[in-house]
Amino acid sequence: MIPLYRIIEICVYSLLNFLPFMALALYPFRSRLRFSVKITVCIIVVISFIQMGLGLWAAFFSGGKAALASVVSTAVYVVFYFIAVKVNFGKALFTLLMISNTANFVVAVSKCIEGKIFPELAVQSYRWSFSLIMLVVLAVVWIPLFIYTKKVYTPAVEKEPTGIEWRYLWLIPATFYLIWYYMLYNNNGKSSLETALDAGNAVFLLFINVGAGIVYYVIAMLINEQEKNIRLSDNNHRLAMQNLQYENLQEKIADARRAKHDVRHHISLMQEYVRNKQYGELEKYLNSYQQSLPDDTLISFCENKTVNAVMLYFAQVAKNEDIDYDVKAVIPENISVDETDLSVLFGNLIENATDACREESGDNRRIVIRAMTDEYTLCLGIDNTFTGTLKKDLSGVLFSSKHKGFGVGVESVKSIAEKYGGTYCAEVKDEMFMSSVLLNLRT
């Protein structure tokens, strides 16, 4: 019969090796969980029991196949993680590998220290001494790692603009992961236990993980800095649009003042026509006067000031470029979408449509914008004249028409759609490029 204390030892180790790192891995995406917090916690509890069961099986029933338990444990962990979080695959993989590397380091260092303090217990599996030292090492490693995750890493994964970089950044922690397994399983015929007990290997892993930590920190800081620069550029763009709106308003006010100033002269002349019964001349004069009045076209496309400023800016651009600009938008002043996201979303898509029309020849150049909201969604459709061919990579990412490389503007739109649990799609039909975005306003 298996002693109760051994069952407790194995269960404690299994939980220490799972829960702290799962918490770290989920923290950056706590607002993007696929399930509710309650359901997620329940699933984690179930997986915790699975981890404890695998530990017991590896210790007492595996018959020399304990490595299989490790493989199954890792598979369960990975499958759950990718199902639980709704984020870019590369971003989730980067996070998972980064935390896994740290977990492996904690286990290896704990075993090495156990070998120095409790040499007799260290050669046994899952003893209380291992869990005790692992708890101390966790306290030293986990707290600064959590601070980094909260202060630096989480803002990077929440606010990065395009998502393109995460398709390749995961290769960095993957490289460190391969280094770890190379040391573990290709060490001159030594067992993994002998490798872990070797102080030289522990020191080497320490330097590797410190270096990895510095790399992760620099990556997160660069992404945060990139985000700040993009936001600054966007704010400058918004100021330019608002300035144009102000100039248009001032121009209309000046036109109205001039019309008011001239009205006395017009009245005098019309009275003269009436006295002389020159009604035909009066009618011609009235028609001419009406055509000379200032443009009374509405200067507001919708109630939302941010979206309206963007649309007004590009309305002026389209007018200067002789592009037909057709807008029907119903967007309230208050909407549960960040103003910056609205500006980036509408600004990028309308700018792309304007740039595409510039490349077209002929007189039939037009931009058609339709936008509306209800209680749950924001729907946006922007169509523009397009007679070219869409260029995409193998994964469907559009190439930029402005430079060699990916279209960052479209990737920003996709990132915003993903942020609000929505979708973005684009197609060409009847010589029109059609962009559509749907945002969920109840995320």
Foldseek 3Di string as FASTA:
>chain_A
DDDPQLLVLLLLVLCLLPVLLLCLLCVLQVVFWPDDPVVLVVVVVVLSVVSSVLSVCLQPPCVPVNVVSVVVNVVVSVVSQVNTGQADPLLSLLSVLLSVLVSLLLLLQLLQVCCVVPVVCSVHPRDPSSSVSSVVSCVVPSVVSSVCCVPFVSCLRQQQFFCPVSVPPSVLSVVLVVVSVCQQPVPPPDHNSVSSNDVVNSVVSVVSSVVSVVVSRVVRVVSVVVSVVVLVVLVVVLVVLVVVLVVVVVVLVVLVVVCVVCVVVVVVVLVVCVVVVVVVVSVVVVVVVVVSRDDPDDLAQEQAPLLSSLLSSVVVVCVVVLAAEAEHEYDHNDALADSSLSSLQNNLVSVLQSVQLSPDDDNHWYKHWYWYDDPWKIKIKIKTAADDDFDADPVRFTCDPVDGGGDRSVSSNQSSLSSQVWHWDWDDDPRMIMIMIMGTRPD
